[in-house]
Amino acid sequence: MRIIREFTKGFTTELTPFRLVLGLCPTLAVTTQADNGLGMGLATTFVLVCSNVLVSLLRHIIPQKVRIACFIVMIATFVVAVELLMQAFFYPLYQRLGIFVPLIVVNCIILGRAEAFASKNPVMYSAVDGLGIGLGFTLSLTVLGGIRELLGTGALFGHPLLGASFEPFGFMIKAPGAFVTLGILLFLMNLLTSLGRKRAH
């Protein structure tokens, strides 16, 4: 069934950032903690779903020559909405994410889905595509943030797990730790894909 395929591809063949290799700036910058990754991912999912739906609804009205500019205005509208919601209800998280919340406007995942999918497909499929890609992105950021937080502080979602005797790897919550963790996860995903193809043959 197509609707299931459009949703699940965000967790498999089009998993960001590991498959599409998009949205690396927030992936590396905000994933010092699992809850930062979760918050950023959900904010991006909200914008992605809403912008996909609106782009799909207006796809026959927007002139081709100005479509990118129109897409950016739509995306910016939803980014402002999610920014205000975070300021009202999740202010500590909003402060931790900082400039990366307004920078969702230029996240290439969102603009890419608007251009490559939503502008060519009906509303339902566009909404499901946005939800799948967004939740896949949320999962990626949360896992990456969880690994870095656990090894860097001994905690997960702010709750200590590894005890007082654990010696944290401070390197993991710094910028180089983000690159190393992402690189290892990319390697593991490519290895699993390669092994899966060998078994298929």
Protein backbone atom coordinates (compact mmCIF):
# COMPACT_ATOMS: atom_id res chain seq x y z
CA MET A 1 0.00 0.00 0.00
CA ARG A 2 1.47 3.33 -1.08
CA ILE A 3 0.61 5.29 2.05
CA ILE A 4 2.54 2.83 4.23
CA ARG A 5 5.49 2.92 1.82
CA GLU A 6 5.59 6.72 1.89
CA PHE A 7 5.61 6.70 5.70
CA THR A 8 8.17 3.94 6.30
CA LYS A 9 10.75 5.22 3.79
CA GLY A 10 11.60 7.96 6.32
CA PHE A 11 12.96 5.22 8.61
CA THR A 12 14.69 3.13 5.95
CA THR A 13 15.76 4.19 2.45
CA GLU A 14 15.37 7.94 3.08
CA LEU A 15 16.38 8.11 6.74
CA THR A 16 17.91 11.50 7.46
CA PRO A 17 20.72 12.24 8.06
CA PHE A 18 22.12 8.76 7.50
CA ARG A 19 20.65 7.99 4.07
CA LEU A 20 19.90 11.39 2.52
CA VAL A 21 22.87 13.00 4.33
CA LEU A 22 20.83 16.19 4.80
CA GLY A 23 20.23 18.40 7.82
CA LEU A 24 23.72 17.81 9.19
CA CYS A 25 24.02 21.26 10.79
CA PRO A 26 21.32 20.72 13.47
CA THR A 27 22.28 17.05 13.69
CA LEU A 28 25.79 17.89 14.81
CA ALA A 29 25.02 21.07 16.75
CA VAL A 30 22.07 20.24 19.02
CA THR A 31 22.64 16.58 19.87
CA THR A 32 24.63 17.06 23.06
CA GLN A 33 21.62 15.60 24.92
CA ALA A 34 18.88 13.17 23.92
CA ASP A 35 16.09 15.61 24.83
CA ASN A 36 17.67 18.31 22.65
CA GLY A 37 17.59 15.91 19.70
CA LEU A 38 14.02 14.91 20.46
CA GLY A 39 12.86 18.53 20.75
CA MET A 40 14.61 19.64 17.57
CA GLY A 41 13.31 16.61 15.68
CA LEU A 42 9.70 17.18 16.73
CA ALA A 43 9.90 20.88 15.88
CA THR A 44 11.25 19.99 12.43
CA THR A 45 8.54 17.33 11.99
CA PHE A 46 5.81 19.89 12.73
CA VAL A 47 7.21 22.31 10.15
CA LEU A 48 7.77 19.52 7.63
CA VAL A 49 4.23 18.13 7.83
CA CYS A 50 2.55 21.56 7.75
CA SER A 51 4.68 22.90 4.89
CA ASN A 52 4.24 19.69 2.86
CA VAL A 53 0.46 19.91 3.22
CA LEU A 54 0.33 23.60 2.25
CA VAL A 55 2.70 23.18 -0.69
CA SER A 56 0.64 20.24 -1.95
CA LEU A 57 -2.60 22.20 -1.60
CA LEU A 58 -1.20 25.14 -3.58
CA ARG A 59 0.94 23.20 -6.06
CA HIS A 60 -1.32 24.04 -9.04
CA ILE A 61 -1.57 27.72 -8.09
CA ILE A 62 2.05 28.69 -7.40
CA PRO A 63 3.87 29.82 -10.59
CA GLN A 64 6.92 27.70 -11.40
CA LYS A 65 9.26 30.70 -11.55
CA VAL A 66 8.63 31.75 -7.95
CA ARG A 67 7.97 28.37 -6.37
CA ILE A 68 11.17 28.26 -4.25
CA ALA A 69 10.53 31.73 -2.83
CA CYS A 70 6.93 30.75 -2.05
CA PHE A 71 8.07 27.53 -0.38
CA ILE A 72 10.49 29.46 1.83
CA VAL A 73 7.76 31.91 2.90
CA MET A 74 5.45 29.01 3.80
CA ILE A 75 8.19 27.22 5.73
CA ALA A 76 9.15 30.43 7.54
CA THR A 77 5.53 30.91 8.64
CA PHE A 78 5.44 27.50 10.32
CA VAL A 79 8.90 28.01 11.82
CA VAL A 80 7.70 31.22 13.49
CA ALA A 81 4.66 29.33 14.81
CA VAL A 82 6.77 26.51 16.28
CA GLU A 83 9.24 29.04 17.71
CA LEU A 84 6.44 30.88 19.52
CA LEU A 85 4.98 27.60 20.81
CA MET A 86 8.37 26.55 22.16
CA GLN A 87 8.87 29.93 23.82
CA ALA A 88 5.45 29.62 25.47
CA PHE A 89 5.52 25.99 26.59
CA PHE A 90 9.11 24.67 26.40
CA TYR A 91 11.24 27.72 27.13
CA PRO A 92 14.27 25.91 28.69
CA LEU A 93 14.45 23.65 25.61
CA TYR A 94 14.06 26.67 23.34
CA GLN A 95 17.00 28.34 25.08
CA ARG A 96 19.19 25.25 24.69
CA LEU A 97 18.41 24.90 20.98
CA GLY A 98 19.03 28.62 20.45
CA ILE A 99 19.56 29.85 16.89
CA PHE A 100 18.89 26.39 15.43
CA VAL A 101 15.12 26.77 15.86
CA PRO A 102 14.79 29.76 13.47
CA LEU A 103 17.35 28.08 11.19
CA ILE A 104 14.78 25.34 10.48
CA VAL A 105 13.70 27.74 7.70
CA VAL A 106 16.81 26.88 5.70
CA ASN A 107 16.92 23.20 6.63
CA CYS A 108 17.47 21.46 3.29
CA ILE A 109 15.34 18.49 4.37
CA ILE A 110 12.20 20.65 4.50
CA LEU A 111 12.82 22.59 1.30
CA GLY A 112 13.90 19.37 -0.42
CA ARG A 113 10.68 17.55 0.48
CA ALA A 114 8.60 20.53 -0.64
CA GLU A 115 10.36 20.66 -4.00
CA ALA A 116 10.88 16.94 -4.65
CA PHE A 117 7.66 15.49 -3.23
CA ALA A 118 4.92 17.81 -1.96
CA SER A 119 4.86 19.95 -5.11
CA LYS A 120 4.17 16.83 -7.19
CA ASN A 121 1.85 14.74 -5.00
CA PRO A 122 -1.62 14.92 -3.36
CA VAL A 123 -2.12 16.24 0.16
CA MET A 124 -2.49 12.90 1.96
CA TYR A 125 0.72 11.44 0.54
CA SER A 126 2.56 14.71 1.18
CA ALA A 127 1.44 14.74 4.83
CA VAL A 128 2.47 11.12 5.34
CA ASP A 129 5.80 11.74 3.59
CA GLY A 130 6.47 14.71 5.89
CA LEU A 131 5.50 12.72 8.98
CA GLY A 132 7.70 9.75 8.07
CA ILE A 133 10.74 11.82 7.13
CA GLY A 134 10.27 14.04 10.21
CA LEU A 135 9.94 11.16 12.67
CA GLY A 136 12.93 9.42 11.07
CA PHE A 137 14.92 12.63 11.57
CA THR A 138 13.68 12.84 15.17
CA LEU A 139 14.77 9.25 15.82
CA SER A 140 18.21 9.95 14.32
CA LEU A 141 18.77 13.06 16.44
CA THR A 142 17.52 11.38 19.61
CA VAL A 143 19.75 8.32 19.14
CA LEU A 144 22.78 10.48 18.34
CA GLY A 145 22.07 12.76 21.30
CA GLY A 146 21.45 9.78 23.57
CA ILE A 147 24.80 8.18 22.72
CA ARG A 148 26.68 11.44 23.21
CA GLU A 149 24.90 12.25 26.47
CA LEU A 150 25.37 8.76 27.89
CA LEU A 151 29.09 8.60 27.12
CA GLY A 152 29.73 12.28 27.79
CA THR A 153 27.90 12.64 31.10
CA GLY A 154 26.74 9.16 32.16
CA ALA A 155 23.10 10.25 31.95
CA LEU A 156 20.21 9.80 29.52
CA PHE A 157 17.41 12.39 29.22
CA GLY A 158 19.04 14.06 32.24
CA HIS A 159 18.78 10.96 34.46
CA PRO A 160 22.08 9.48 35.71
CA LEU A 161 22.47 5.86 34.60
CA LEU A 162 26.11 4.81 34.89
CA GLY A 163 26.73 5.63 38.56
CA ALA A 164 29.20 7.83 40.39
CA SER A 165 32.19 5.65 39.45
CA PHE A 166 31.71 6.31 35.72
CA GLU A 167 34.38 8.58 34.21
CA PRO A 168 32.62 10.66 31.50
CA PHE A 169 34.19 11.15 28.07
CA GLY A 170 33.97 14.96 27.91
CA PHE A 171 35.05 14.71 24.27
CA MET A 172 31.63 13.28 23.35
CA ILE A 173 29.63 16.41 24.23
CA LYS A 174 31.98 18.67 22.26
CA ALA A 175 31.85 19.35 18.53
CA PRO A 176 34.40 16.64 17.54
CA GLY A 177 32.34 14.07 19.45
CA ALA A 178 29.39 14.80 17.19
CA PHE A 179 31.46 14.09 14.07
CA VAL A 180 32.93 10.90 15.51
CA THR A 181 29.54 9.56 16.67
CA LEU A 182 27.89 10.39 13.34
CA GLY A 183 30.76 8.77 11.45
CA ILE A 184 30.53 5.56 13.49
CA LEU A 185 26.75 5.37 13.02
CA LEU A 186 27.11 5.98 9.26
CA PHE A 187 29.71 3.21 9.10
CA LEU A 188 27.46 0.78 10.99
CA MET A 189 24.45 1.58 8.78
CA ASN A 190 26.48 1.14 5.59
CA LEU A 191 27.91 -2.13 6.95
CA LEU A 192 24.42 -3.47 7.73
CA THR A 193 23.20 -2.43 4.28
CA SER A 194 26.14 -4.15 2.62
CA LEU A 195 25.59 -7.36 4.61
CA GLY A 196 21.89 -7.28 3.75
CA ARG A 197 22.66 -7.02 0.03
CA LYS A 198 25.13 -9.92 0.23
CA ARG A 199 22.52 -12.12 1.91
CA ALA A 200 19.96 -11.13 -0.72
CA HIS A 201 22.28 -12.42 -3.43
